[in-house]
């Protein structure tokens, strides 16, 4: 039984960190379903399989099968991480990191079904290696040695910083759903609705928590209504999609080929993935007010490996933790793992229903961009909060500043220059978060501390 002092201390902690529901607190089924849908809508899970299908020239049927498999893999991976492995609210989704490697492996293996089988085979082997890294605790030792609070906070900061240009340049200015003026207006509308609901929640207090909880999904709904008024909302794909379709099956619809060079390439990519997802883990742990233990990190690596193993067995690409959800937790104040169980359920449902998957992919990119930009800013601020108790001397200034510069430099790097570099360097520079994280880690080890 909780004491009155204990309850008061818990309330003060929640008030200080603005978290209204902790990870292990129960949330009603209806609320979980609604809040889970918010996370799903904001994650843009369909983008990665769409890009892969476009880059390697998959047919429409193959593209649909890949998108379907990606949703189901994201759902099962989310449930694995949240409830069985890491046991913190963590949504899994397809990673952007392997895009270049997937295209290279596909082409080097002759393309077609054989090329895709090589991609899946190398992904399978890489996932098994990740599980071994978690079981042996090797990766956890690396984290403890190389990622103190100043480095962890910097990584969280650059997570938000690296995503922000994508939210603004690609999702708003570069969106092809409408004209640039309409895109900017839609982004401003969805972002403004989100801010208005958060402000209302703060003004009203405890009774106004409903405004904060539903802020993201209401912002997206209002954005879609605005897009419809402008005449740029297109639901034709939803009308043409099937309500239910079976996912593809291994060895029946696709197979696995094991090519040594492809496996080595994918192992490197998985190490990149682990380095990148570590920043997400720190971001989420900071938001939910829970320090990552050795057990959490080891189990998180195992969960990452199992999630990627599931993805390859379903015919999809590697998945990873999404940092977007940390920002949404900050906005809504809801960190219950039950919500993320609903996230996993929604993904599986979307994966089995062509209409629901088409519905979520029909939301105008600029509408999502307006919300996403705010979420990215909040993630960056969470990184600053991690570092707030650290003394910022000359060494610490460089640890923060250099990764920040690297992040922006690589986000803005011209494609023609990137593709002129050696393949390994392309992998490194193709992920601004990875390069900047490595810079923070190396600088922390090399720069002398002031005595």
Protein backbone atom coordinates (compact mmCIF):
# COMPACT_ATOMS: atom_id res chain seq x y z
CA UNK A 1 0.00 0.00 0.00
CA UNK A 2 1.32 3.41 -0.92
CA UNK A 3 1.88 5.89 1.89
CA UNK A 4 0.48 9.40 1.69
CA UNK A 5 4.04 10.77 1.51
CA UNK A 6 4.86 8.34 -1.30
CA UNK A 7 1.79 9.39 -3.27
CA UNK A 8 2.66 13.05 -2.75
CA UNK A 9 6.24 12.42 -3.95
CA UNK A 10 4.94 10.61 -7.04
CA UNK A 11 2.54 13.47 -7.77
CA UNK A 12 5.37 16.00 -7.43
CA UNK A 13 7.55 13.98 -9.82
CA UNK A 14 4.76 13.84 -12.40
CA UNK A 15 4.09 17.56 -12.02
CA UNK A 16 7.79 18.37 -12.37
CA UNK A 17 8.23 16.27 -15.51
CA UNK A 18 4.70 16.83 -16.86
CA UNK A 19 4.02 13.09 -17.14
CA UNK A 20 0.42 12.30 -16.20
CA UNK A 21 0.44 8.52 -16.75
CA UNK A 22 3.58 6.45 -16.08
CA UNK A 23 4.59 3.40 -18.15
CA UNK A 24 3.14 0.79 -15.80
CA UNK A 25 -0.11 2.61 -15.04
CA UNK A 26 -3.29 1.24 -16.56
CA UNK A 27 -5.24 3.11 -19.23
CA UNK A 28 -8.74 2.14 -20.35
CA UNK A 29 -9.14 0.13 -23.54
CA UNK A 30 -10.90 2.96 -25.41
CA UNK A 31 -8.32 5.54 -24.38
CA UNK A 32 -5.48 3.17 -25.31
CA UNK A 33 -6.99 2.63 -28.76
CA UNK A 34 -7.37 6.36 -29.41
CA UNK A 35 -3.93 7.31 -28.07
CA UNK A 36 -2.31 4.41 -29.90
CA UNK A 37 -3.79 5.66 -33.16
CA UNK A 38 -2.16 9.06 -32.54
CA UNK A 39 1.27 7.44 -32.44
CA UNK A 40 0.58 5.32 -35.53
CA UNK A 41 -0.59 8.28 -37.60
CA UNK A 42 2.42 10.40 -36.65
CA UNK A 43 5.02 7.74 -37.52
CA UNK A 44 4.86 7.67 -41.36
CA UNK A 45 5.65 3.94 -41.34
CA UNK A 46 4.55 3.53 -44.96
CA UNK A 47 7.24 5.92 -46.29
CA UNK A 48 10.22 3.54 -46.04
CA UNK A 49 8.64 0.61 -47.95
CA UNK A 50 7.29 3.09 -50.50
CA UNK A 51 10.81 4.46 -51.07
CA UNK A 52 12.31 0.97 -51.33
CA UNK A 53 9.67 -0.10 -53.85
CA UNK A 54 10.41 3.01 -55.91
CA UNK A 55 14.21 2.67 -55.71
CA UNK A 56 14.41 -1.00 -56.77
CA UNK A 57 11.43 -0.92 -59.14
CA UNK A 58 8.95 -3.28 -57.48
CA UNK A 59 5.60 -3.91 -59.18
CA UNK A 60 2.38 -2.56 -57.61
CA UNK A 61 1.54 -5.98 -56.13
CA UNK A 62 5.06 -6.37 -54.72
CA UNK A 63 4.91 -2.83 -53.31
CA UNK A 64 1.59 -3.54 -51.58
CA UNK A 65 2.99 -6.78 -50.13
CA UNK A 66 6.07 -4.95 -48.80
CA UNK A 67 3.98 -2.19 -47.20
CA UNK A 68 1.69 -4.79 -45.66
CA UNK A 69 4.63 -6.79 -44.27
CA UNK A 70 6.24 -3.62 -42.91
CA UNK A 71 3.11 -2.67 -40.93
CA UNK A 72 2.81 -6.15 -39.41
CA UNK A 73 6.54 -6.27 -38.57
CA UNK A 74 6.30 -2.84 -36.90
CA UNK A 75 3.31 -4.00 -34.85
CA UNK A 76 4.86 -7.25 -33.66
CA UNK A 77 8.20 -5.51 -32.99
CA UNK A 78 6.45 -2.84 -30.90
CA UNK A 79 4.74 -5.49 -28.78
CA UNK A 80 8.01 -7.44 -28.38
CA UNK A 81 9.98 -4.40 -27.19
CA UNK A 82 7.27 -2.86 -25.01
CA UNK A 83 6.00 -5.98 -23.24
CA UNK A 84 8.64 -8.70 -23.44
CA UNK A 85 12.10 -7.19 -23.91
CA UNK A 86 12.91 -3.57 -23.06
CA UNK A 87 9.56 -3.08 -21.24
CA UNK A 88 9.37 0.66 -21.84
CA UNK A 89 6.92 2.40 -24.22
CA UNK A 90 8.78 1.91 -27.49
CA UNK A 91 7.26 1.89 -30.97
CA UNK A 92 9.17 0.06 -33.69
CA UNK A 93 9.10 1.04 -37.34
CA UNK A 94 11.11 0.56 -40.53
CA UNK A 95 14.52 2.23 -40.46
CA UNK A 96 15.79 4.65 -43.10
CA UNK A 97 19.41 3.64 -42.40
CA UNK A 98 19.50 0.47 -44.59
CA UNK A 99 18.03 2.12 -47.72
CA UNK A 100 21.37 2.51 -49.50
CA UNK A 101 22.54 -0.96 -48.51
CA UNK A 102 19.28 -2.56 -49.65
CA UNK A 103 19.57 -0.98 -53.08
CA UNK A 104 23.25 -2.02 -53.36
CA UNK A 105 22.61 -5.63 -52.25
CA UNK A 106 19.58 -5.92 -54.54
CA UNK A 107 21.55 -4.71 -57.58
CA UNK A 108 24.73 -6.67 -56.78
CA UNK A 109 22.70 -9.89 -56.45
CA UNK A 110 21.20 -9.55 -59.91
CA UNK A 111 17.95 -7.78 -59.02
CA UNK A 112 14.53 -9.39 -59.25
CA UNK A 113 13.44 -12.03 -56.77
CA UNK A 114 17.01 -13.28 -56.32
CA UNK A 115 18.16 -9.78 -55.36
CA UNK A 116 15.33 -9.40 -52.86
CA UNK A 117 16.06 -12.83 -51.39
CA UNK A 118 19.67 -11.70 -50.79
CA UNK A 119 18.39 -8.61 -48.97
CA UNK A 120 16.18 -10.75 -46.73
CA UNK A 121 18.87 -13.39 -46.16
CA UNK A 122 21.50 -10.86 -45.08
CA UNK A 123 18.90 -9.15 -42.85
CA UNK A 124 18.14 -12.48 -41.20
CA UNK A 125 21.79 -13.19 -40.36
CA UNK A 126 22.35 -9.63 -39.12
CA UNK A 127 19.33 -9.86 -36.82
CA UNK A 128 20.66 -13.06 -35.25
CA UNK A 129 23.99 -11.31 -34.58
CA UNK A 130 22.18 -8.42 -32.86
CA UNK A 131 20.38 -10.90 -30.57
CA UNK A 132 23.77 -12.41 -29.65
CA UNK A 133 25.15 -8.93 -28.82
CA UNK A 134 22.22 -8.46 -26.42
CA UNK A 135 22.48 -11.90 -24.82
CA UNK A 136 26.22 -11.51 -24.17
CA UNK A 137 25.86 -7.93 -22.86
CA UNK A 138 28.63 -6.67 -25.15
CA UNK A 139 26.64 -3.71 -26.45
CA UNK A 140 25.63 -2.65 -22.92
CA UNK A 141 29.30 -2.45 -21.89
CA UNK A 142 29.94 -0.23 -24.87
CA UNK A 143 27.08 2.10 -23.85
CA UNK A 144 28.26 2.37 -20.22
CA UNK A 145 31.80 3.18 -21.25
CA UNK A 146 31.16 5.58 -24.11
CA UNK A 147 27.81 7.33 -23.42
CA UNK A 148 27.79 9.40 -20.18
CA UNK A 149 25.02 12.03 -19.64
CA UNK A 150 26.77 14.76 -21.65
CA UNK A 151 27.08 12.43 -24.63
CA UNK A 152 23.62 10.90 -24.14
CA UNK A 153 22.03 14.35 -23.92
CA UNK A 154 23.89 15.47 -27.04
CA UNK A 155 22.67 12.40 -28.93
CA UNK A 156 19.06 13.11 -27.91
CA UNK A 157 19.47 16.75 -28.96
CA UNK A 158 20.79 15.83 -32.40
CA UNK A 159 17.99 13.26 -32.84
CA UNK A 160 15.52 16.15 -32.86
CA UNK A 161 17.88 18.38 -34.81
CA UNK A 162 18.45 15.79 -37.55
CA UNK A 163 14.73 15.16 -38.00
CA UNK A 164 13.71 18.83 -38.08
CA UNK A 165 14.97 19.61 -41.62
CA UNK A 166 13.09 16.56 -42.90
CA UNK A 167 9.91 17.73 -41.21
CA UNK A 168 10.19 21.20 -42.71
CA UNK A 169 11.96 20.74 -46.06
CA UNK A 170 10.51 17.37 -47.13
CA UNK A 171 7.16 17.15 -45.33
CA UNK A 172 6.15 20.80 -45.80
CA UNK A 173 8.11 22.65 -48.50
CA UNK A 174 8.79 19.56 -50.58
CA UNK A 175 5.38 17.89 -50.28
CA UNK A 176 3.76 17.15 -53.63
CA UNK A 177 0.18 16.88 -52.36
CA UNK A 178 -0.53 20.55 -53.05
CA UNK A 179 1.10 23.87 -53.94
CA UNK A 180 3.79 25.19 -51.61
CA UNK A 181 1.43 27.92 -50.32
CA UNK A 182 -1.22 25.31 -49.48
CA UNK A 183 1.37 23.05 -47.86
CA UNK A 184 2.67 25.84 -45.63
CA UNK A 185 -0.90 26.79 -44.67
CA UNK A 186 -1.81 23.18 -43.85
CA UNK A 187 1.31 22.79 -41.71
CA UNK A 188 0.54 26.03 -39.86
CA UNK A 189 -3.05 24.92 -39.25
CA UNK A 190 -2.15 21.48 -37.84
CA UNK A 191 0.71 22.94 -35.78
CA UNK A 192 -1.47 25.77 -34.45
CA UNK A 193 -4.28 23.37 -33.42
CA UNK A 194 -1.73 21.25 -31.56
CA UNK A 195 -0.40 24.30 -29.69
CA UNK A 196 -3.90 25.61 -28.91
CA UNK A 197 -4.90 22.28 -27.35
CA UNK A 198 -1.71 22.13 -25.27
CA UNK A 199 -2.29 25.72 -24.08
CA UNK A 200 -5.92 24.94 -23.19
CA UNK A 201 -4.75 21.95 -21.18
CA UNK A 202 -2.28 24.13 -19.25
CA UNK A 203 -4.87 26.87 -18.58
CA UNK A 204 -7.64 24.55 -17.41
CA UNK A 205 -5.41 22.27 -15.34
CA UNK A 206 -6.21 18.67 -14.42
CA UNK A 207 -9.72 18.83 -15.91
CA UNK A 208 -8.25 19.92 -19.23
CA UNK A 209 -6.02 16.87 -19.66
CA UNK A 210 -8.30 15.64 -22.45
CA UNK A 211 -7.07 18.55 -24.60
CA UNK A 212 -3.44 17.52 -24.12
CA UNK A 213 -4.12 13.80 -24.62
CA UNK A 214 -5.97 14.24 -27.91
CA UNK A 215 -3.91 17.17 -29.21
CA UNK A 216 -2.03 15.23 -31.90
CA UNK A 217 -4.96 13.35 -33.40
CA UNK A 218 -7.23 16.42 -33.36
CA UNK A 219 -4.51 18.47 -35.07
CA UNK A 220 -4.27 15.83 -37.81
CA UNK A 221 -8.07 15.64 -38.21
CA UNK A 222 -8.40 19.43 -38.48
CA UNK A 223 -5.51 19.45 -40.96
CA UNK A 224 -7.27 16.83 -43.10
CA UNK A 225 -10.54 18.80 -43.01
CA UNK A 226 -8.64 21.91 -44.10
CA UNK A 227 -7.01 19.93 -46.92
CA UNK A 228 -10.44 18.75 -48.03
CA UNK A 229 -11.71 22.36 -48.09
CA UNK A 230 -8.71 23.27 -50.25
CA UNK A 231 -9.51 20.37 -52.55
CA UNK A 232 -6.20 18.54 -52.01
CA UNK A 233 -7.41 15.59 -49.92
CA UNK A 234 -7.41 12.45 -52.05
CA UNK A 235 -9.06 9.27 -50.73
CA UNK A 236 -9.23 7.46 -54.07
CA UNK A 237 -6.58 4.96 -52.95
CA UNK A 238 -8.80 4.05 -49.97
CA UNK A 239 -11.78 3.32 -52.22
CA UNK A 240 -9.74 1.03 -54.47
CA UNK A 241 -8.03 -0.89 -51.64
CA UNK A 242 -9.30 -4.21 -50.24
CA UNK A 243 -10.63 -4.49 -46.70
CA UNK A 244 -8.65 -7.63 -45.93
CA UNK A 245 -5.69 -9.29 -47.61
CA UNK A 246 -3.42 -12.08 -46.43
CA UNK A 247 0.25 -11.21 -45.70
CA UNK A 248 2.97 -12.91 -47.73
CA UNK A 249 4.46 -16.16 -46.40
CA UNK A 250 8.16 -17.14 -46.25
CA UNK A 251 9.31 -19.86 -48.68
CA UNK A 252 5.93 -19.62 -50.45
CA UNK A 253 5.94 -15.99 -51.64
CA UNK A 254 9.66 -15.31 -51.15
CA UNK A 255 12.86 -17.03 -50.02
CA UNK A 256 16.29 -16.31 -48.51
CA UNK A 257 19.69 -16.23 -50.23
CA UNK A 258 22.92 -15.96 -48.25
CA UNK A 259 25.64 -13.97 -49.97
CA UNK A 260 28.82 -13.32 -47.96
CA UNK A 261 29.40 -9.72 -49.11
CA UNK A 262 25.71 -8.90 -48.61
CA UNK A 263 25.83 -10.32 -45.08
CA UNK A 264 28.94 -8.28 -44.18
CA UNK A 265 27.28 -5.14 -45.56
CA UNK A 266 24.11 -5.74 -43.55
CA UNK A 267 26.06 -6.48 -40.34
CA UNK A 268 27.66 -3.04 -40.65
CA UNK A 269 24.20 -1.56 -41.17
CA UNK A 270 22.89 -3.29 -38.04
CA UNK A 271 25.74 -1.83 -35.98
CA UNK A 272 24.76 1.56 -37.38
CA UNK A 273 21.15 0.83 -36.43
CA UNK A 274 22.11 0.00 -32.84
CA UNK A 275 24.16 3.19 -32.55
CA UNK A 276 21.24 5.21 -33.90
CA UNK A 277 18.51 3.57 -31.81
CA UNK A 278 20.51 4.18 -28.63
CA UNK A 279 19.68 7.86 -28.98
CA UNK A 280 15.99 6.96 -29.21
CA UNK A 281 16.22 4.84 -26.06
CA UNK A 282 17.79 7.71 -24.14
CA UNK A 283 15.15 10.13 -25.46
CA UNK A 284 12.28 7.88 -24.38
CA UNK A 285 13.85 7.04 -21.01
CA UNK A 286 14.25 10.74 -20.27
CA UNK A 287 10.64 11.52 -21.19
CA UNK A 288 9.19 8.65 -19.12
CA UNK A 289 11.42 9.50 -16.12
CA UNK A 290 13.07 6.08 -16.04
CA UNK A 291 16.83 5.60 -16.10
CA UNK A 292 17.97 2.84 -18.44
CA UNK A 293 19.41 -0.05 -16.46
CA UNK A 294 21.92 -2.59 -17.75
CA UNK A 295 19.06 -5.07 -18.00
CA UNK A 296 16.95 -2.59 -20.01
CA UNK A 297 19.72 -1.99 -22.54
CA UNK A 298 20.62 -5.67 -22.95
CA UNK A 299 16.97 -6.62 -23.36
CA UNK A 300 16.52 -3.67 -25.72
CA UNK A 301 19.28 -4.99 -27.99
CA UNK A 302 17.69 -8.45 -27.88
CA UNK A 303 14.31 -6.90 -28.70
CA UNK A 304 15.84 -4.98 -31.59
CA UNK A 305 17.27 -8.22 -32.95
CA UNK A 306 14.02 -10.15 -32.51
CA UNK A 307 12.05 -7.33 -34.18
CA UNK A 308 14.41 -7.34 -37.17
CA UNK A 309 14.27 -11.14 -37.31
CA UNK A 310 10.46 -10.98 -37.45
CA UNK A 311 10.66 -8.34 -40.18
CA UNK A 312 12.94 -10.46 -42.37
CA UNK A 313 10.74 -13.55 -41.86
CA UNK A 314 7.75 -11.48 -43.01
CA UNK A 315 9.61 -10.27 -46.09
CA UNK A 316 10.25 -6.74 -44.80
CA UNK A 317 13.30 -4.62 -43.95
CA UNK A 318 15.00 -3.91 -40.57
CA UNK A 319 13.00 -2.03 -37.95
CA UNK A 320 14.15 0.23 -35.14
CA UNK A 321 12.79 2.38 -32.30
CA UNK A 322 11.14 5.62 -33.44
CA UNK A 323 12.10 8.80 -31.59
CA UNK A 324 8.93 10.55 -32.80
CA UNK A 325 6.99 8.78 -30.06
CA UNK A 326 9.12 10.38 -27.34
CA UNK A 327 7.89 13.78 -28.50
CA UNK A 328 4.27 12.61 -28.56
CA UNK A 329 4.61 11.23 -25.01
CA UNK A 330 5.93 14.65 -23.94
CA UNK A 331 2.97 16.39 -25.56
CA UNK A 332 0.23 14.07 -24.27
CA UNK A 333 1.82 13.16 -20.93
CA UNK A 334 0.71 9.54 -21.44
CA UNK A 335 3.50 6.94 -21.23
CA UNK A 336 1.43 3.83 -20.47
CA UNK A 337 2.71 0.65 -22.10
CA UNK A 338 -0.92 -0.28 -22.75
CA UNK A 339 -1.07 2.53 -25.29
CA UNK A 340 1.89 1.00 -27.12
CA UNK A 341 0.24 -2.41 -27.02
CA UNK A 342 -2.56 -0.66 -28.93
CA UNK A 343 0.06 0.83 -31.29
CA UNK A 344 1.24 -2.68 -32.08
CA UNK A 345 -2.34 -3.86 -32.56
CA UNK A 346 -3.13 -0.97 -34.92
CA UNK A 347 -0.07 -1.76 -37.04
CA UNK A 348 -1.06 -5.42 -37.38
CA UNK A 349 -4.63 -4.39 -38.32
CA UNK A 350 -3.31 -1.91 -40.89
CA UNK A 351 -1.04 -4.64 -42.24
CA UNK A 352 -4.00 -6.96 -42.76
CA UNK A 353 -6.30 -4.28 -44.17
CA UNK A 354 -5.44 -2.50 -47.38
CA UNK A 355 -8.11 0.15 -46.77
CA UNK A 356 -6.84 1.19 -43.34
CA UNK A 357 -3.24 1.30 -44.55
CA UNK A 358 -4.34 3.41 -47.53
CA UNK A 359 -6.33 5.70 -45.20
CA UNK A 360 -3.32 6.57 -43.05
CA UNK A 361 -1.10 7.05 -46.10
CA UNK A 362 -3.67 9.47 -47.57
CA UNK A 363 -3.12 12.09 -44.87
CA UNK A 364 -1.43 15.03 -46.63
CA UNK A 365 2.29 15.13 -45.94
CA UNK A 366 2.19 18.81 -44.95
CA UNK A 367 -0.43 18.11 -42.26
CA UNK A 368 1.86 15.54 -40.67
CA UNK A 369 4.82 17.90 -41.15
CA UNK A 370 3.19 20.63 -39.07
CA UNK A 371 2.88 18.25 -36.10
CA UNK A 372 6.16 16.49 -36.78
CA UNK A 373 8.17 19.73 -36.68
CA UNK A 374 6.92 20.51 -33.17
CA UNK A 375 7.62 16.93 -32.06
CA UNK A 376 11.22 17.23 -33.34
CA UNK A 377 11.73 20.43 -31.36
CA UNK A 378 10.46 18.78 -28.18
CA UNK A 379 12.83 15.84 -28.67
CA UNK A 380 15.77 18.26 -28.95
CA UNK A 381 14.71 20.04 -25.75
CA UNK A 382 14.60 16.69 -23.95
CA UNK A 383 18.28 16.30 -24.79
CA UNK A 384 19.03 19.67 -23.21
CA UNK A 385 17.17 18.56 -20.07
CA UNK A 386 19.43 15.51 -19.78
CA UNK A 387 22.47 17.80 -19.81
CA UNK A 388 21.07 20.47 -17.48
CA UNK A 389 22.83 19.10 -14.39
CA UNK A 390 26.18 18.78 -16.17
CA UNK A 391 28.81 21.48 -15.81
CA UNK A 392 29.37 22.88 -19.31
CA UNK A 393 33.07 23.66 -19.61
CA UNK A 394 35.24 24.07 -22.70
CA UNK A 395 35.35 20.30 -23.36
CA UNK A 396 31.59 19.95 -23.06
CA UNK A 397 31.00 22.87 -25.43
CA UNK A 398 32.92 21.05 -28.18
CA UNK A 399 31.14 17.76 -27.41
CA UNK A 400 27.81 19.51 -28.05
CA UNK A 401 28.81 21.94 -30.81
CA UNK A 402 30.77 19.68 -33.19
CA UNK A 403 28.03 16.98 -33.45
CA UNK A 404 25.49 19.74 -34.00
CA UNK A 405 27.55 21.09 -36.90
CA UNK A 406 28.08 17.60 -38.34
CA UNK A 407 24.35 16.88 -38.14
CA UNK A 408 23.38 19.98 -40.11
CA UNK A 409 26.26 19.52 -42.57
CA UNK A 410 25.20 15.95 -43.40
CA UNK A 411 21.50 16.74 -43.54
CA UNK A 412 22.30 19.39 -46.14
CA UNK A 413 25.03 17.44 -47.99
CA UNK A 414 24.47 17.37 -51.80
CA UNK A 415 23.62 13.90 -53.12
CA UNK A 416 26.15 14.10 -55.95
CA UNK A 417 28.97 14.64 -53.44
CA UNK A 418 27.73 11.89 -51.09
CA UNK A 419 27.49 9.31 -53.88
CA UNK A 420 31.00 10.13 -55.09
CA UNK A 421 32.46 8.87 -51.80
CA UNK A 422 33.48 5.26 -51.02
CA UNK A 423 30.58 2.96 -50.11
CA UNK A 424 31.43 2.67 -46.41
CA UNK A 425 31.74 6.45 -46.10
CA UNK A 426 28.35 6.77 -47.80
CA UNK A 427 26.84 4.54 -45.09
CA UNK A 428 28.46 6.65 -42.38
CA UNK A 429 27.58 10.05 -43.85
CA UNK A 430 24.17 8.84 -45.01
CA UNK A 431 23.07 8.79 -41.37
CA UNK A 432 23.68 12.23 -39.82
CA UNK A 433 22.69 10.86 -36.40
CA UNK A 434 25.26 8.07 -36.55
CA UNK A 435 28.13 10.33 -37.67
CA UNK A 436 27.27 12.99 -35.09
CA UNK A 437 26.86 10.40 -32.32
CA UNK A 438 30.26 8.90 -33.10
CA UNK A 439 31.75 12.41 -33.05
CA UNK A 440 30.28 13.08 -29.58
CA UNK A 441 31.61 9.76 -28.27
CA UNK A 442 35.10 10.24 -29.73
CA UNK A 443 35.38 13.86 -28.57
CA UNK A 444 34.36 12.86 -25.05
CA UNK A 445 37.19 10.29 -24.97
CA UNK A 446 39.87 12.39 -26.69
CA UNK A 447 39.39 15.90 -25.29
CA UNK A 448 41.12 16.43 -21.93
CA UNK A 449 39.02 17.52 -18.97
CA UNK A 450 39.96 20.76 -17.23
CA UNK A 451 41.64 19.98 -13.90
